[in-house]
Protein backbone atom coordinates (compact mmCIF):
# COMPACT_ATOMS: atom_id res chain seq x y z
CA MET A 1 -59.66 105.35 -20.79
CA GLY A 2 -62.50 107.30 -19.28
CA ALA A 3 -63.15 109.72 -16.49
CA GLY A 4 -66.46 110.33 -14.77
CA HIS A 5 -67.36 113.43 -12.84
CA ASP A 6 -70.57 114.49 -11.13
CA HIS A 7 -71.24 118.20 -11.16
CA GLY A 8 -73.63 120.00 -8.84
CA HIS A 9 -74.00 123.77 -8.77
CA ALA A 10 -76.36 126.07 -6.94
CA HIS A 11 -79.82 126.66 -8.38
CA SER A 12 -83.28 127.31 -6.97
CA HIS A 13 -84.18 123.64 -7.07
CA ALA A 14 -84.53 121.29 -4.16
CA PRO A 15 -83.44 122.54 -0.79
CA ALA A 16 -80.39 121.00 0.79
CA GLY A 17 -81.24 117.55 2.05
CA GLY A 18 -84.60 117.28 0.29
CA THR A 19 -86.62 117.47 -2.90
CA ALA A 20 -88.39 120.53 -4.26
CA THR A 21 -91.65 119.48 -2.60
CA ALA A 22 -90.09 119.06 0.85
CA ALA A 23 -89.81 122.84 1.35
CA TYR A 24 -93.60 123.09 1.28
CA VAL A 25 -94.53 120.24 3.61
CA GLY A 26 -95.90 122.62 6.26
CA ARG A 27 -98.10 124.42 3.76
CA LEU A 28 -99.33 121.12 2.34
CA ARG A 29 -100.37 120.06 5.85
CA VAL A 30 -102.32 123.28 6.40
CA ALA A 31 -103.98 122.93 2.98
CA LEU A 32 -104.91 119.33 3.83
CA SER A 33 -106.52 120.40 7.11
CA ILE A 34 -108.51 123.14 5.38
CA THR A 35 -109.60 120.79 2.59
CA LEU A 36 -110.82 118.07 4.98
CA THR A 37 -112.80 120.60 7.01
CA VAL A 38 -114.49 122.20 4.00
CA MET A 39 -115.16 118.79 2.44
CA VAL A 40 -117.23 117.78 5.45
CA VAL A 41 -119.02 121.14 5.47
CA GLU A 42 -119.90 120.88 1.76
CA ILE A 43 -121.11 117.29 2.06
CA VAL A 44 -123.48 118.33 4.82
CA GLY A 45 -124.50 121.42 2.87
CA GLY A 46 -125.05 119.46 -0.35
CA ILE A 47 -127.32 116.98 1.41
CA VAL A 48 -129.28 119.65 3.26
CA ALA A 49 -129.67 121.91 0.21
CA ASP A 50 -130.04 118.99 -2.27
CA SER A 51 -127.35 120.57 -4.46
CA LEU A 52 -125.48 118.26 -6.86
CA ALA A 53 -122.99 121.02 -7.62
CA LEU A 54 -122.14 121.32 -3.92
CA VAL A 55 -121.83 117.54 -3.52
CA ALA A 56 -119.69 117.42 -6.67
CA ASP A 57 -117.41 120.09 -5.25
CA ALA A 58 -117.21 118.12 -1.99
CA ALA A 59 -116.32 114.97 -3.94
CA HIS A 60 -113.58 116.88 -5.70
CA MET A 61 -112.34 118.09 -2.33
CA ALA A 62 -112.22 114.48 -1.16
CA THR A 63 -109.79 113.69 -3.97
CA ASP A 64 -107.87 116.85 -3.06
CA ALA A 65 -107.53 115.58 0.49
CA LEU A 66 -106.36 112.19 -0.72
CA GLY A 67 -103.99 113.82 -3.19
CA LEU A 68 -102.51 116.10 -0.54
CA GLY A 69 -102.15 113.14 1.80
CA MET A 70 -100.32 111.18 -0.90
CA ALA A 71 -98.09 114.18 -1.60
CA LEU A 72 -97.10 114.34 2.06
CA LEU A 73 -96.50 110.58 2.14
CA ALA A 74 -94.39 110.87 -1.01
CA ILE A 75 -92.25 113.56 0.63
CA HIS A 76 -91.60 111.20 3.53
CA PHE A 77 -90.37 108.49 1.15
CA ALA A 78 -88.57 110.88 -1.19
CA ASN A 79 -86.38 112.20 1.62
CA ARG A 80 -85.22 108.78 2.70
CA PRO A 81 -81.50 108.34 1.99
CA PRO A 82 -80.27 106.39 -1.07
CA THR A 83 -79.37 102.73 -0.68
CA GLY A 84 -77.20 100.31 -2.59
CA ASN A 85 -80.21 99.14 -4.59
CA ARG A 86 -81.98 102.50 -4.87
CA THR A 87 -79.16 104.86 -5.70
CA PHE A 88 -81.48 107.85 -6.12
CA GLY A 89 -83.40 106.95 -2.98
CA TYR A 90 -87.19 107.25 -3.20
CA ALA A 91 -87.29 110.63 -4.95
CA ARG A 92 -89.41 109.22 -7.80
CA ALA A 93 -92.21 108.58 -5.25
CA GLU A 94 -93.25 112.22 -5.71
CA ILE A 95 -93.86 111.66 -9.41
CA LEU A 96 -95.84 108.49 -8.71
CA ALA A 97 -98.01 110.51 -6.31
CA ALA A 98 -98.58 113.12 -9.02
CA LEU A 99 -99.59 110.33 -11.42
CA ALA A 100 -102.04 108.93 -8.86
CA ASN A 101 -103.50 112.42 -8.44
CA CYS A 102 -104.08 112.62 -12.18
CA LEU A 103 -105.95 109.32 -12.23
CA LEU A 104 -108.09 110.43 -9.28
CA LEU A 105 -108.90 113.73 -10.95
CA LEU A 106 -109.92 112.02 -14.19
CA GLY A 107 -112.18 109.67 -12.23
CA VAL A 108 -113.83 112.50 -10.33
CA GLY A 109 -114.23 114.59 -13.47
CA GLY A 110 -115.97 111.71 -15.24
CA TYR A 111 -118.23 111.06 -12.24
CA VAL A 112 -119.29 114.70 -11.99
CA LEU A 113 -120.09 114.88 -15.71
CA TYR A 114 -122.16 111.69 -15.51
CA GLU A 115 -124.13 112.85 -12.47
CA ALA A 116 -124.78 116.25 -14.04
CA ILE A 117 -126.30 114.60 -17.11
CA GLN A 118 -128.44 112.41 -14.85
CA ARG A 119 -129.66 115.51 -12.99
CA PHE A 120 -130.91 116.96 -16.32
CA VAL A 121 -132.96 113.79 -16.80
CA THR A 122 -134.24 113.79 -13.22
CA PRO A 123 -134.36 117.40 -11.93
CA ALA A 124 -134.07 118.14 -8.21
CA ASP A 125 -135.28 120.97 -6.00
CA THR A 126 -132.08 122.72 -4.94
CA GLU A 127 -132.12 125.19 -2.02
CA GLY A 128 -130.34 128.24 -3.43
CA GLY A 129 -129.77 130.20 -0.22
CA LEU A 130 -128.07 127.37 1.69
CA THR A 131 -126.00 126.46 -1.37
CA ILE A 132 -124.63 130.02 -1.56
CA VAL A 133 -123.57 129.92 2.09
CA PHE A 134 -121.75 126.60 1.82
CA GLY A 135 -120.28 127.50 -1.57
CA ALA A 136 -118.88 130.74 -0.14
CA ILE A 137 -117.22 128.83 2.71
CA GLY A 138 -115.59 126.54 0.16
CA LEU A 139 -114.41 129.42 -1.99
CA VAL A 140 -112.75 131.26 0.92
CA ALA A 141 -111.03 128.09 2.11
CA ASN A 142 -109.78 127.29 -1.39
CA MET A 143 -108.35 130.77 -1.84
CA ILE A 144 -106.38 130.36 1.39
CA SER A 145 -104.99 127.01 0.21
CA LEU A 146 -104.10 128.45 -3.20
CA THR A 147 -102.12 131.22 -1.54
CA LEU A 148 -100.19 128.65 0.50
CA LEU A 149 -99.33 126.53 -2.56
CA MET A 150 -98.77 129.29 -5.15
CA ARG A 151 -94.99 129.36 -4.97
CA GLY A 152 -94.46 125.62 -4.58
CA GLN A 153 -96.42 124.72 -7.71
CA LYS A 154 -93.74 126.40 -9.83
CA GLU A 155 -91.02 124.12 -8.47
CA SER A 156 -92.66 120.73 -7.92
CA LEU A 157 -94.98 118.59 -10.06
CA ASN A 158 -96.32 117.07 -6.88
CA VAL A 159 -97.25 120.46 -5.40
CA ARG A 160 -98.55 121.55 -8.81
CA GLY A 161 -100.92 118.59 -8.81
CA ALA A 162 -102.26 119.66 -5.43
CA PHE A 163 -102.40 123.31 -6.56
CA LEU A 164 -104.40 122.46 -9.70
CA GLU A 165 -106.85 120.40 -7.68
CA VAL A 166 -107.43 123.27 -5.25
CA ALA A 167 -107.65 125.76 -8.15
CA ALA A 168 -110.32 123.64 -9.82
CA ASP A 169 -112.11 123.50 -6.48
CA ALA A 170 -112.01 127.28 -6.16
CA LEU A 171 -113.54 127.67 -9.61
CA GLY A 172 -116.02 124.96 -8.74
CA SER A 173 -117.06 126.79 -5.58
CA LEU A 174 -117.53 129.93 -7.66
CA ALA A 175 -119.68 127.99 -10.13
CA VAL A 176 -121.74 126.65 -7.20
CA ILE A 177 -122.35 130.17 -5.91
CA VAL A 178 -123.35 131.50 -9.33
CA ALA A 179 -125.71 128.57 -9.93
CA ALA A 180 -127.28 128.98 -6.50
CA ALA A 181 -127.77 132.70 -7.12
CA VAL A 182 -129.54 131.92 -10.41
CA ILE A 183 -131.80 129.37 -8.68
CA LEU A 184 -132.52 131.81 -5.85
CA THR A 185 -133.45 134.69 -8.17
CA THR A 186 -135.11 132.86 -11.08
CA GLY A 187 -136.02 129.40 -9.77
CA TRP A 188 -134.26 127.80 -12.77
CA GLN A 189 -133.14 124.45 -11.31
CA ALA A 190 -131.07 123.49 -14.38
CA ALA A 191 -128.42 125.93 -13.17
CA ASP A 192 -127.25 123.33 -10.62
CA PRO A 193 -126.36 120.52 -13.09
CA ILE A 194 -124.93 123.15 -15.47
CA ALA A 195 -122.58 124.27 -12.70
CA SER A 196 -121.67 120.62 -12.16
CA LEU A 197 -120.81 120.27 -15.84
CA VAL A 198 -118.62 123.36 -15.60
CA ILE A 199 -116.77 121.84 -12.63
CA GLY A 200 -116.22 118.58 -14.49
CA LEU A 201 -115.00 120.35 -17.63
CA MET A 202 -112.55 122.41 -15.55
CA ILE A 203 -111.07 119.31 -13.99
CA VAL A 204 -110.28 117.25 -17.09
CA PRO A 205 -108.11 119.54 -19.33
CA ARG A 206 -105.83 120.62 -16.48
CA THR A 207 -105.43 117.01 -15.45
CA PHE A 208 -104.34 115.94 -18.92
CA LYS A 209 -101.67 118.66 -18.94
CA LEU A 210 -100.30 117.50 -15.59
CA LEU A 211 -100.52 113.87 -16.72
CA ARG A 212 -98.45 114.65 -19.81
CA GLU A 213 -95.74 116.32 -17.74
CA THR A 214 -95.74 113.46 -15.24
CA LEU A 215 -95.44 110.83 -17.96
CA ASP A 216 -92.55 112.78 -19.49
CA VAL A 217 -90.67 112.34 -16.22
CA LEU A 218 -91.53 108.65 -15.95
CA LEU A 219 -90.50 108.09 -19.58
CA GLU A 220 -87.24 109.94 -18.84
CA SER A 221 -87.76 112.60 -21.48
CA ALA A 222 -85.31 115.49 -21.53
CA PRO A 223 -86.32 118.33 -19.16
CA LYS A 224 -88.56 120.76 -21.03
CA ASP A 225 -86.16 123.68 -20.48
CA VAL A 226 -83.12 121.78 -21.80
CA ASP A 227 -82.55 121.74 -25.58
CA MET A 228 -80.42 118.66 -26.24
CA ASN A 229 -79.24 119.96 -29.62
CA GLU A 230 -77.95 123.11 -27.92
CA VAL A 231 -76.26 121.04 -25.23
CA ARG A 232 -74.48 119.00 -27.91
CA THR A 233 -73.49 122.16 -29.78
CA HIS A 234 -71.99 123.77 -26.66
CA ILE A 235 -70.00 120.65 -25.79
CA LEU A 236 -68.65 120.28 -29.34
CA ALA A 237 -67.60 123.94 -29.33
CA LEU A 238 -65.02 123.30 -26.60
CA ASP A 239 -61.40 123.18 -27.77
CA GLY A 240 -60.25 119.62 -28.34
CA VAL A 241 -63.69 118.00 -28.27
CA GLU A 242 -64.13 115.80 -31.35
CA ASP A 243 -67.47 114.19 -30.61
CA VAL A 244 -70.10 113.52 -27.95
CA HIS A 245 -72.22 110.38 -27.72
CA ASP A 246 -74.48 108.62 -25.24
CA LEU A 247 -75.82 112.06 -24.34
CA HIS A 248 -78.80 111.75 -22.02
CA ALA A 249 -80.80 114.16 -19.86
CA TRP A 250 -83.75 113.27 -17.68
CA THR A 251 -85.51 114.25 -14.47
CA ILE A 252 -85.49 112.11 -11.33
CA THR A 253 -88.17 114.23 -9.67
CA SER A 254 -89.12 117.90 -9.59
CA GLY A 255 -85.95 119.96 -9.07
CA MET A 256 -83.57 117.08 -9.87
CA PRO A 257 -82.55 117.20 -13.57
CA VAL A 258 -79.65 114.91 -14.51
CA LEU A 259 -77.34 114.80 -17.54
CA SER A 260 -74.69 112.31 -18.63
CA ALA A 261 -72.45 112.18 -21.70
CA HIS A 262 -69.41 110.47 -23.22
CA VAL A 263 -67.15 113.20 -24.56
CA VAL A 264 -64.46 112.33 -27.11
CA VAL A 265 -61.38 114.54 -26.67
CA ARG A 266 -58.16 114.62 -28.70
CA SER A 267 -55.34 112.88 -26.87
CA ASP A 268 -52.95 115.81 -27.33
CA VAL A 269 -55.45 118.15 -25.65
CA LEU A 270 -55.98 115.76 -22.74
CA SER A 271 -52.20 115.43 -22.35
CA ALA A 272 -51.71 119.19 -22.46
CA ILE A 273 -54.44 120.32 -20.05
CA GLY A 274 -55.29 117.14 -18.14
CA HIS A 275 -58.60 115.48 -17.37
CA GLU A 276 -59.45 117.73 -14.44
CA LYS A 277 -59.25 120.97 -16.43
CA MET A 278 -61.27 119.43 -19.25
CA LEU A 279 -63.98 118.40 -16.80
CA HIS A 280 -64.02 121.91 -15.32
CA GLU A 281 -64.49 123.39 -18.79
CA LEU A 282 -67.39 121.04 -19.48
CA GLN A 283 -68.96 121.89 -16.13
CA ASN A 284 -68.59 125.62 -16.68
CA CYS A 285 -69.95 125.32 -20.21
CA LEU A 286 -73.18 123.62 -19.15
CA GLY A 287 -73.44 125.50 -15.86
CA ASP A 288 -73.48 128.83 -17.68
CA HIS A 289 -76.13 127.85 -20.22
CA PHE A 290 -78.32 125.09 -18.82
CA ASP A 291 -80.11 124.57 -15.53
CA VAL A 292 -78.99 120.98 -14.90
CA GLU A 293 -78.23 120.04 -11.33
CA HIS A 294 -76.11 116.89 -11.81
CA CYS A 295 -73.81 116.34 -14.80
CA THR A 296 -71.70 113.21 -15.27
CA PHE A 297 -69.05 113.11 -18.03
CA GLN A 298 -66.88 110.31 -19.32
CA LEU A 299 -63.84 111.59 -21.18
CA GLU A 300 -62.63 109.35 -23.98
CA PRO A 301 -59.77 109.47 -26.50
CA VAL A 302 -60.55 109.27 -30.21
CA GLY A 303 -61.39 105.69 -31.20
CA HIS A 304 -62.57 104.57 -27.76
CA ALA A 305 -66.23 104.41 -28.90
CA GLU A 306 -65.31 101.75 -31.47
CA HIS A 307 -63.63 99.78 -28.70
CA GLU A 308 -66.81 100.01 -26.58
CA ALA A 309 -68.93 98.85 -29.51
CA HIS A 310 -66.60 95.85 -29.98
CA LEU A 311 -66.95 94.92 -26.29
CA CYS A 312 -70.75 95.09 -26.51
CA HIS A 313 -70.69 92.42 -29.22
């Protein structure tokens, strides 16, 4: 004997009819347009001024553009309706896009670090004045994009990936400007590869943090703000509940946490209050204490777990 129930209650997660990222599709498009424009400007500027730091920042912007494009493509797939074979639809596409962004960032970070070391071995004559101009254009553009993505990065791993890329770009543009100012005032050409090293070292640690969060979703770890021991304790504290097993919580995509559990309830309690009231109590219990969007419970009488174990064999 079992009863399943799916519980959804209002939270500031995904908007109705979409994932958490979908609410920011317009801002992602604007950020993509800005990024592509500045990327071209910095490539031209880097070539003209012979600045590795500027070219490195442009290369990072190229990955930003690709990452933003993948984020937008992921939104398109994530909002497609569920099917018989894909019961959660394509929501996980957003997480796969975030993972791809991480791999791109790691590749770019490694490339920038390598090229910076090479520039120490073979110094170049960087034009400081032009580098400052192009670096300033990049910095202003990045600050605009950061403002557009600030709110969304708190709600979506996919948007956070884009936000971190743009943030690293903003810091990179600042490093470019500082290095160019040093070259312009002192003639010390090593400032350019040093700035490139700074850009590379800014990229890698942030990427590893995002990668860890993304892998947690793909490995179906419990959401970071849900303590499974506390969930179990709250369920067991309900009158008539004898045990809880097969308790699982995971995240489909940003803004879509899911929880399921088999709850063992005394038969006399189930007879007295009924399955529906018991389910309501479970829903209210978790709804008051944990930010889980979808909860599915199977109510079982004492001894049913042994019966399930027998069937499995």
